Amino acid sequence: MKAKKSALKEMFFLSLFILTAGCSPIKESAKIAEKKETQNWTGTWVTAQMLVEPNNMPPAPGLTQNTLRQIIKVSLGGKRIKLRFSNLFSDQPTVLKSVSVANVIEAPAVDVNTQKILSFKGSPQVILAPNEEVYSDDLDFQLNSGQLLAITIHYGKVSSKISGHPGSRTTSYILEGNQVNNTSFSGAVKTDHWYTIMGVDINSVQESNVVCLGNSIIDGRGSGTNKQNRWTDILAARLSASKSTAHVGVLNLGIGGNCVVRGGLGPTALSRFDRDVLSQKGTRWLIILEGINDIGGIRKAEDAALTAKEIIDGYKIMIDKAHSKGIKVFGGTILPFEKSFYDAPYKQKARDIVNEWIRAKGNFDAVIDFDKEMASEIGSKTILSDMHDGDFLHPNEKGYQRMGEVVDLDLFR
């Protein structure tokens, strides 16, 4: 009997050991895996994707079997990064044979000491299927806030339909063959467009970002090529310079010619909202400045009120979606456009209806009154004479500086 009790006691303690000690490595591994899965990432740079139009396609020698170096300016710094690539609007696979990142010395030259090759599930090559986007594996890379980063892609076969962002306001460079390790990139063919690249995320502790969604006035038409002086860039620099907001980045998701509801260039704000806004990592705020192209497309006076209502209904859908994800939404009033190619009395009426709704208390979490700040005088429907790009519609570099400076940083504290 004593022997039986002793054996049972031994089995009890053995089981207890297995439960408390023997399985602890498994539990610890599970915890590590869970922690790895839930590590925080925040977007530091993005660009909105669309089907590249024929007149914005890569110039000869093209991308297939050649190397493209693209320059971007990030908003937040970090020590670990991953990149996002797009074949979303393509109907054939696109092959990335090798991709590197490096700090820029003077575009297109890079610092070879900072260059690192990306991997995709452990492989240096990745095949992007039609309508697909992919993330690279994350890697250690010292990224400073506000710095220029070079992304160099050696392509294999490239889809005849290319996904990208035509309005880069930044020069990219093409060389024949595999030139990933070419630091100077001298003699490259130049083109002011981005292709395939979609975003950069940093591994973050407290960083977050604000997404800016809209059309060419967010995309930066009228700003300086390679000057990185869109109003969103001005805002990013101000946030970075202030101790209380240095952890806040800016993601520019403008598309030139874009609309809220229908028409225009690229997918509409409503149709791209889930991907372009809700899929971003670390987003806490959203600025919507969109609607002028919907208004500009009105053909008949009797359609003005209906178009205004459609824009407002679109805003409501986007606000509700953002709020469901805990994102605060700020409405940017539509800028003056009298004397522009869009000008007509019924279109001005539509803008007044929309701006009145934006300003009404309780619709947006806050209002950024770009209309008021950019009007030539109080109540004017004409943009300031020295702040447009010659068309009375798009701001110039001085105008974008003003727009970036009037955004209240307290919104992000």
Protein backbone atom coordinates (compact mmCIF):
# COMPACT_ATOMS: atom_id res chain seq x y z
CA MET A 1 0.00 0.00 0.00
CA LYS A 2 2.85 2.34 0.94
CA ALA A 3 4.59 1.54 -2.35
CA LYS A 4 1.40 2.31 -4.28
CA LYS A 5 0.97 5.65 -2.48
CA SER A 6 4.61 6.47 -3.15
CA ALA A 7 4.20 5.72 -6.87
CA LEU A 8 1.05 7.87 -7.09
CA LYS A 9 2.80 10.67 -5.27
CA GLU A 10 5.75 10.41 -7.66
CA MET A 11 3.40 10.52 -10.69
CA PHE A 12 1.64 13.60 -9.23
CA PHE A 13 4.85 15.54 -8.80
CA LEU A 14 6.08 14.43 -12.24
CA SER A 15 2.85 15.71 -13.83
CA LEU A 16 3.16 18.93 -11.87
CA PHE A 17 6.75 19.35 -13.07
CA ILE A 18 5.67 18.81 -16.69
CA LEU A 19 2.91 21.39 -16.37
CA THR A 20 4.93 24.04 -14.54
CA ALA A 21 8.47 23.48 -15.76
CA GLY A 22 8.56 20.99 -18.58
CA CYS A 23 6.15 23.03 -20.74
CA SER A 24 7.55 26.45 -19.90
CA PRO A 25 9.89 26.57 -22.93
CA ILE A 26 6.88 25.96 -25.16
CA LYS A 27 4.93 28.68 -23.37
CA GLU A 28 7.88 31.05 -23.62
CA SER A 29 8.21 30.31 -27.35
CA ALA A 30 4.50 31.02 -27.77
CA LYS A 31 4.87 34.30 -25.91
CA ILE A 32 7.84 35.31 -28.08
CA ALA A 33 5.92 34.42 -31.24
CA GLU A 34 2.89 36.34 -30.01
CA LYS A 35 5.05 39.36 -29.16
CA LYS A 36 6.66 39.20 -32.61
CA GLU A 37 3.24 39.11 -34.26
CA THR A 38 1.96 42.09 -32.28
CA GLN A 39 5.05 44.30 -32.47
CA ASN A 40 4.18 47.89 -33.30
CA TRP A 41 4.75 49.29 -36.76
CA THR A 42 4.11 52.83 -37.95
CA GLY A 43 4.11 54.24 -41.47
CA THR A 44 6.82 56.83 -42.10
CA TRP A 45 6.23 57.27 -45.85
CA VAL A 46 3.60 56.16 -48.37
CA THR A 47 2.39 57.04 -51.83
CA ALA A 48 -1.05 56.38 -53.30
CA GLN A 49 -1.24 53.73 -56.01
CA MET A 50 -2.94 53.93 -59.40
CA LEU A 51 -2.62 52.52 -62.90
CA VAL A 52 0.13 54.53 -64.57
CA GLU A 53 -1.21 56.30 -67.68
CA PRO A 54 0.57 55.77 -71.04
CA ASN A 55 2.20 59.21 -71.01
CA ASN A 56 3.67 58.56 -67.55
CA MET A 57 5.19 55.14 -68.27
CA PRO A 58 8.93 54.58 -67.72
CA PRO A 59 11.05 55.97 -70.58
CA ALA A 60 13.48 53.79 -72.57
CA PRO A 61 15.19 51.52 -71.72
CA GLY A 62 12.16 50.70 -69.52
CA LEU A 63 12.10 48.60 -66.37
CA THR A 64 12.26 44.98 -67.60
CA GLN A 65 15.70 43.50 -66.73
CA ASN A 66 16.89 47.00 -65.75
CA THR A 67 17.48 48.91 -62.51
CA LEU A 68 15.43 51.78 -61.09
CA ARG A 69 16.61 54.03 -58.26
CA GLN A 70 13.90 56.07 -56.53
CA ILE A 71 14.31 58.74 -53.87
CA ILE A 72 11.83 59.35 -51.05
CA LYS A 73 11.77 61.54 -47.93
CA VAL A 74 10.59 59.80 -44.78
CA SER A 75 8.87 61.61 -41.93
CA LEU A 76 9.78 59.44 -38.92
CA GLY A 77 13.05 57.77 -37.97
CA GLY A 78 13.62 54.28 -36.64
CA LYS A 79 16.10 51.44 -36.28
CA ARG A 80 14.12 48.69 -37.97
CA ILE A 81 12.13 49.03 -41.20
CA LYS A 82 10.12 47.13 -43.78
CA LEU A 83 9.00 48.22 -47.24
CA ARG A 84 5.74 47.73 -49.15
CA PHE A 85 5.62 47.13 -52.92
CA SER A 86 2.67 47.25 -55.33
CA ASN A 87 1.48 45.42 -58.41
CA LEU A 88 -2.12 46.35 -57.54
CA PHE A 89 -3.22 47.74 -60.90
CA SER A 90 -1.25 45.35 -63.08
CA ASP A 91 -2.60 42.40 -65.03
CA GLN A 92 0.64 40.41 -65.20
CA PRO A 93 3.30 39.41 -62.66
CA THR A 94 6.18 41.76 -61.93
CA VAL A 95 9.51 40.31 -60.77
CA LEU A 96 11.79 42.14 -58.35
CA LYS A 97 15.13 40.32 -58.64
CA SER A 98 16.90 42.42 -56.03
CA VAL A 99 16.03 45.48 -53.93
CA SER A 100 18.32 47.63 -51.80
CA VAL A 101 17.96 50.65 -49.53
CA ALA A 102 20.64 53.23 -48.79
CA ASN A 103 21.12 56.77 -47.56
CA VAL A 104 21.37 59.42 -50.24
CA ILE A 105 24.60 61.45 -50.57
CA GLU A 106 23.47 63.60 -53.48
CA ALA A 107 20.82 62.07 -55.71
CA PRO A 108 21.21 59.67 -57.36
CA ALA A 109 24.46 58.80 -55.52
CA VAL A 110 24.17 56.76 -52.32
CA ASP A 111 26.37 55.95 -49.34
CA VAL A 112 27.60 52.40 -49.95
CA ASN A 113 28.31 51.99 -46.23
CA THR A 114 24.58 52.20 -45.50
CA GLN A 115 23.35 49.99 -48.35
CA LYS A 116 21.39 46.88 -47.41
CA ILE A 117 19.64 44.26 -49.56
CA LEU A 118 16.03 43.47 -48.71
CA SER A 119 14.64 39.95 -48.46
CA PHE A 120 11.16 38.54 -49.00
CA LYS A 121 10.44 35.49 -46.83
CA GLY A 122 14.19 34.97 -46.78
CA SER A 123 14.72 35.30 -50.54
CA PRO A 124 16.26 38.31 -52.33
CA GLN A 125 13.74 37.90 -55.17
CA VAL A 126 9.98 38.23 -55.12
CA ILE A 127 7.30 37.78 -57.77
CA LEU A 128 4.39 40.18 -57.39
CA ALA A 129 1.23 38.58 -58.75
CA PRO A 130 -1.36 40.72 -60.57
CA ASN A 131 -3.41 42.87 -58.15
CA GLU A 132 -1.01 42.05 -55.33
CA GLU A 133 1.06 44.01 -52.83
CA VAL A 134 3.88 42.59 -50.70
CA TYR A 135 5.93 43.56 -47.68
CA SER A 136 9.64 42.90 -47.46
CA ASP A 137 11.05 41.16 -44.43
CA ASP A 138 11.94 43.68 -41.74
CA LEU A 139 15.60 44.58 -41.34
CA ASP A 140 17.87 46.67 -39.15
CA PHE A 141 18.44 50.07 -40.73
CA GLN A 142 19.22 53.39 -39.07
CA LEU A 143 16.60 55.76 -40.48
CA ASN A 144 16.56 59.40 -39.38
CA SER A 145 13.44 61.56 -39.38
CA GLY A 146 13.19 63.76 -42.46
CA GLN A 147 16.00 62.03 -44.35
CA LEU A 148 16.19 61.02 -48.01
CA LEU A 149 16.22 57.28 -48.69
CA ALA A 150 17.15 55.60 -51.98
CA ILE A 151 15.25 52.46 -53.00
CA THR A 152 16.98 50.61 -55.83
CA ILE A 153 15.14 47.82 -57.69
CA HIS A 154 16.61 45.41 -60.23
CA TYR A 155 13.58 44.14 -62.15
CA GLY A 156 13.03 40.91 -64.02
CA LYS A 157 9.96 40.76 -66.23
CA VAL A 158 7.61 43.69 -65.63
CA SER A 159 3.87 43.83 -66.27
CA SER A 160 2.83 45.85 -69.32
CA LYS A 161 0.40 47.65 -67.02
CA ILE A 162 2.39 49.28 -64.23
CA SER A 163 1.25 50.31 -60.77
CA GLY A 164 2.79 53.46 -59.36
CA HIS A 165 2.43 57.13 -58.54
CA PRO A 166 2.92 59.55 -61.45
CA GLY A 167 2.93 62.75 -59.34
CA SER A 168 6.15 62.09 -57.42
CA ARG A 169 7.58 65.64 -57.73
CA THR A 170 10.83 63.69 -57.33
CA THR A 171 13.28 62.38 -59.92
CA SER A 172 13.87 58.65 -60.38
CA TYR A 173 16.75 57.09 -62.33
CA ILE A 174 16.99 54.12 -64.73
CA LEU A 175 20.11 52.17 -65.80
CA GLU A 176 20.30 49.11 -68.03
CA GLY A 177 21.01 45.73 -66.45
CA ASN A 178 21.69 44.90 -62.81
CA GLN A 179 22.98 48.10 -61.20
CA VAL A 180 21.82 47.57 -57.61
CA ASN A 181 25.39 47.99 -56.33
CA ASN A 182 26.13 51.01 -58.53
CA THR A 183 26.58 53.80 -55.97
CA SER A 184 26.89 56.78 -58.33
CA PHE A 185 24.22 55.86 -60.92
CA SER A 186 25.86 58.31 -63.31
CA GLY A 187 24.45 58.46 -66.83
CA ALA A 188 21.02 57.27 -65.72
CA VAL A 189 17.84 58.15 -67.61
CA LYS A 190 15.67 60.45 -65.52
CA THR A 191 11.91 60.35 -64.96
CA ASP A 192 9.81 62.25 -62.44
CA HIS A 193 7.57 59.34 -61.41
CA TRP A 194 7.50 56.56 -58.82
CA TYR A 195 6.87 52.92 -59.75
CA THR A 196 6.18 49.82 -57.62
CA ILE A 197 7.19 51.37 -54.28
CA MET A 198 4.23 51.90 -51.98
CA GLY A 199 5.34 52.50 -48.39
CA VAL A 200 7.93 52.32 -45.63
CA ASP A 201 7.12 51.34 -42.03
CA ILE A 202 9.28 51.64 -38.93
CA ASN A 203 9.23 49.44 -35.85
CA SER A 204 7.96 51.91 -33.27
CA VAL A 205 7.43 52.45 -29.56
CA GLN A 206 5.37 55.65 -29.34
CA GLU A 207 5.37 56.95 -32.93
CA SER A 208 2.14 57.56 -34.85
CA ASN A 209 1.08 59.40 -38.00
CA VAL A 210 -1.50 61.56 -39.68
CA VAL A 211 -2.78 60.52 -43.13
CA CYS A 212 -3.52 63.30 -45.63
CA LEU A 213 -6.07 62.13 -48.20
CA GLY A 214 -6.94 64.13 -51.29
CA ASN A 215 -6.15 65.34 -54.78
CA SER A 216 -3.38 67.36 -56.49
CA ILE A 217 -3.31 69.97 -53.72
CA ILE A 218 -2.20 67.22 -51.33
CA ASP A 219 -0.13 65.52 -54.04
CA GLY A 220 1.77 68.80 -54.46
CA ARG A 221 1.13 70.10 -57.97
CA GLY A 222 2.86 73.50 -58.06
CA SER A 223 5.52 72.55 -55.51
CA GLY A 224 9.16 72.28 -56.58
CA THR A 225 10.57 69.09 -58.11
CA ASN A 226 13.05 67.48 -55.69
CA LYS A 227 12.41 70.26 -53.15
CA GLN A 228 10.07 68.18 -50.97
CA ASN A 229 8.01 71.32 -50.23
CA ARG A 230 4.42 70.15 -50.52
CA TRP A 231 2.32 71.52 -47.66
CA THR A 232 2.38 68.03 -46.14
CA ASP A 233 6.21 68.21 -46.12
CA ILE A 234 6.05 71.59 -44.36
CA LEU A 235 3.68 70.08 -41.78
CA ALA A 236 5.96 67.07 -41.28
CA ALA A 237 8.97 69.32 -40.67
CA ARG A 238 7.02 71.41 -38.13
CA LEU A 239 5.82 68.31 -36.28
CA SER A 240 9.36 66.92 -36.19
CA ALA A 241 10.82 70.20 -34.89
CA SER A 242 8.42 70.40 -31.94
CA LYS A 243 9.33 68.27 -28.93
CA SER A 244 5.70 67.50 -28.13
CA THR A 245 4.91 66.26 -31.68
CA ALA A 246 8.27 64.88 -32.86
CA HIS A 247 6.79 61.37 -32.67
CA VAL A 248 4.11 62.19 -35.29
CA GLY A 249 4.76 61.44 -38.97
CA VAL A 250 2.85 62.51 -42.08
CA LEU A 251 1.62 60.18 -44.85
CA ASN A 252 0.75 61.84 -48.16
CA LEU A 253 -2.01 59.97 -50.01
CA GLY A 254 -2.89 62.55 -52.62
CA ILE A 255 -3.59 61.72 -56.26
CA GLY A 256 -3.65 64.49 -58.83
CA GLY A 257 -7.10 64.81 -60.44
CA ASN A 258 -8.70 62.59 -57.78
CA CYS A 259 -12.40 62.72 -56.85
CA VAL A 260 -14.41 61.71 -53.79
CA VAL A 261 -17.27 59.91 -55.51
CA ARG A 262 -16.77 59.36 -59.25
CA GLY A 263 -14.63 60.35 -62.23
CA GLY A 264 -11.23 61.99 -62.05
CA LEU A 265 -7.88 60.21 -62.06
CA GLY A 266 -7.02 57.13 -60.06
CA PRO A 267 -9.41 55.23 -57.81
CA THR A 268 -11.80 57.59 -56.00
CA ALA A 269 -11.28 58.48 -52.35
CA LEU A 270 -14.22 56.25 -51.39
CA SER A 271 -12.99 53.24 -53.36
CA ARG A 272 -9.40 53.48 -52.12
CA PHE A 273 -10.19 54.46 -48.53
CA ASP A 274 -9.79 51.05 -46.90
CA ARG A 275 -6.42 50.38 -48.53
CA ASP A 276 -4.97 53.88 -48.55
CA VAL A 277 -6.13 54.97 -45.09
CA LEU A 278 -7.30 52.09 -42.92
CA SER A 279 -4.44 49.73 -43.84
CA GLN A 280 -1.76 52.18 -42.69
CA LYS A 281 0.10 51.28 -39.53
CA GLY A 282 0.08 53.68 -36.58
CA THR A 283 -2.47 56.16 -37.92
CA ARG A 284 -4.23 58.29 -35.30
CA TRP A 285 -5.44 61.23 -37.40
CA LEU A 286 -6.78 61.82 -40.90
CA ILE A 287 -6.98 65.07 -42.86
CA ILE A 288 -9.42 65.03 -45.80
CA LEU A 289 -8.92 67.72 -48.45
CA GLU A 290 -10.89 66.40 -51.41
CA GLY A 291 -13.84 67.47 -53.55
CA ILE A 292 -12.69 70.20 -55.93
CA ASN A 293 -12.47 67.80 -58.88
CA ASP A 294 -15.99 66.46 -58.22
CA ILE A 295 -17.18 70.09 -58.26
CA GLY A 296 -15.10 70.94 -61.31
CA GLY A 297 -16.72 68.07 -63.18
CA ILE A 298 -20.28 69.39 -62.75
CA ARG A 299 -21.74 69.95 -66.23
CA LYS A 300 -25.15 71.49 -65.46
CA ALA A 301 -26.33 74.03 -62.88
CA GLU A 302 -29.13 71.74 -61.72
CA ASP A 303 -26.56 69.09 -60.73
CA ALA A 304 -24.65 71.37 -58.32
CA ALA A 305 -26.68 70.64 -55.18
CA LEU A 306 -26.71 66.89 -55.92
CA THR A 307 -22.92 66.80 -56.38
CA ALA A 308 -22.43 68.72 -53.13
CA LYS A 309 -24.66 66.20 -51.34
CA GLU A 310 -22.71 63.28 -52.85
CA ILE A 311 -19.42 64.75 -51.62
CA ILE A 312 -20.84 65.28 -48.14
CA ASP A 313 -22.28 61.76 -48.06
CA GLY A 314 -18.82 60.51 -49.07
CA TYR A 315 -17.24 62.45 -46.21
CA LYS A 316 -19.74 60.88 -43.79
CA ILE A 317 -18.83 57.35 -44.91
CA MET A 318 -15.10 58.04 -44.55
CA ILE A 319 -15.54 59.70 -41.15
CA ASP A 320 -17.57 56.75 -39.84
CA LYS A 321 -15.02 54.23 -41.12
CA ALA A 322 -12.11 56.15 -39.59
CA HIS A 323 -13.90 56.61 -36.27
CA SER A 324 -14.55 52.87 -36.11
CA LYS A 325 -10.77 52.42 -36.08
CA GLY A 326 -10.22 55.13 -33.46
CA ILE A 327 -8.91 57.69 -35.98
CA LYS A 328 -9.81 61.37 -35.55
CA VAL A 329 -10.81 63.11 -38.79
CA PHE A 330 -10.09 66.74 -39.66
CA GLY A 331 -11.85 68.43 -42.59
CA GLY A 332 -9.94 70.75 -44.89
CA THR A 333 -12.14 73.37 -46.57
CA ILE A 334 -11.94 73.52 -50.36
CA LEU A 335 -9.70 76.34 -51.57
CA PRO A 336 -10.91 79.32 -53.68
CA PHE A 337 -10.98 78.68 -57.44
CA GLU A 338 -12.56 81.79 -58.99
CA LYS A 339 -10.87 82.70 -62.33
CA SER A 340 -9.63 79.11 -62.74
CA PHE A 341 -10.65 76.73 -65.53
CA TYR A 342 -13.20 75.23 -63.10
CA ASP A 343 -14.94 78.52 -62.36
CA ALA A 344 -18.72 78.80 -62.84
CA PRO A 345 -21.44 80.27 -60.57
CA TYR A 346 -23.13 76.91 -59.97
CA LYS A 347 -19.79 75.28 -59.13
CA GLN A 348 -19.11 78.07 -56.63
CA LYS A 349 -22.51 77.30 -55.10
CA ALA A 350 -21.55 73.63 -54.72
CA ARG A 351 -18.28 74.59 -53.02
CA ASP A 352 -20.15 76.91 -50.63
CA ILE A 353 -22.52 74.07 -49.65
CA VAL A 354 -19.64 71.67 -49.02
CA ASN A 355 -17.50 74.17 -47.11
CA GLU A 356 -20.45 75.18 -44.96
CA TRP A 357 -20.97 71.54 -44.01
CA ILE A 358 -17.25 71.05 -43.25
CA ARG A 359 -17.27 74.09 -40.96
CA ALA A 360 -20.47 73.07 -39.14
CA LYS A 361 -19.78 71.93 -35.61
CA GLY A 362 -19.89 68.21 -35.01
CA ASN A 363 -19.33 66.94 -38.55
CA PHE A 364 -15.52 66.67 -38.39
CA ASP A 365 -13.46 66.34 -35.21
CA ALA A 366 -11.77 69.61 -36.20
CA VAL A 367 -11.63 71.95 -39.20
CA ILE A 368 -8.55 73.24 -41.03
CA ASP A 369 -9.88 76.27 -42.89
CA PHE A 370 -7.61 76.38 -45.94
CA ASP A 371 -10.25 78.38 -47.82
CA LYS A 372 -10.10 81.19 -45.28
CA GLU A 373 -6.30 81.18 -45.18
CA MET A 374 -5.79 81.15 -48.96
CA ALA A 375 -8.55 83.59 -50.02
CA SER A 376 -7.35 86.95 -51.35
CA GLU A 377 -9.56 88.70 -48.78
CA ILE A 378 -12.33 87.81 -46.34
CA GLY A 379 -15.21 86.20 -48.22
CA SER A 380 -13.34 86.19 -51.55
CA LYS A 381 -13.63 83.23 -53.90
CA THR A 382 -10.24 84.02 -55.47
CA ILE A 383 -6.94 82.62 -54.22
CA LEU A 384 -4.20 85.01 -53.06
CA SER A 385 -2.55 86.49 -56.15
CA ASP A 386 1.01 85.55 -55.16
CA MET A 387 0.17 82.07 -53.87
CA HIS A 388 -1.12 80.18 -56.92
CA ASP A 389 0.70 78.46 -59.75
CA GLY A 390 -0.68 80.71 -62.49
CA ASP A 391 -4.00 78.86 -62.82
CA PHE A 392 -5.91 80.33 -59.83
CA LEU A 393 -6.43 76.77 -58.59
CA HIS A 394 -3.20 75.14 -57.44
CA PRO A 395 -1.00 76.79 -54.82
CA ASN A 396 2.62 77.57 -55.70
CA GLU A 397 5.60 76.95 -53.43
CA LYS A 398 4.76 80.02 -51.35
CA GLY A 399 1.15 78.91 -51.12
CA TYR A 400 2.10 75.42 -49.92
CA GLN A 401 4.39 76.96 -47.32
CA ARG A 402 1.43 78.94 -46.00
CA MET A 403 -0.86 75.90 -45.98
CA GLY A 404 1.67 73.83 -44.06
CA GLU A 405 2.15 76.60 -41.51
CA VAL A 406 -1.52 77.24 -40.72
CA VAL A 407 -2.23 73.70 -39.50
CA ASP A 408 -2.53 73.84 -35.70
CA LEU A 409 -0.01 71.44 -34.13
CA ASP A 410 -2.19 71.24 -31.02
CA LEU A 411 -4.44 68.91 -33.03
CA PHE A 412 -1.74 66.25 -32.71
CA ARG A 413 -0.67 66.75 -29.10
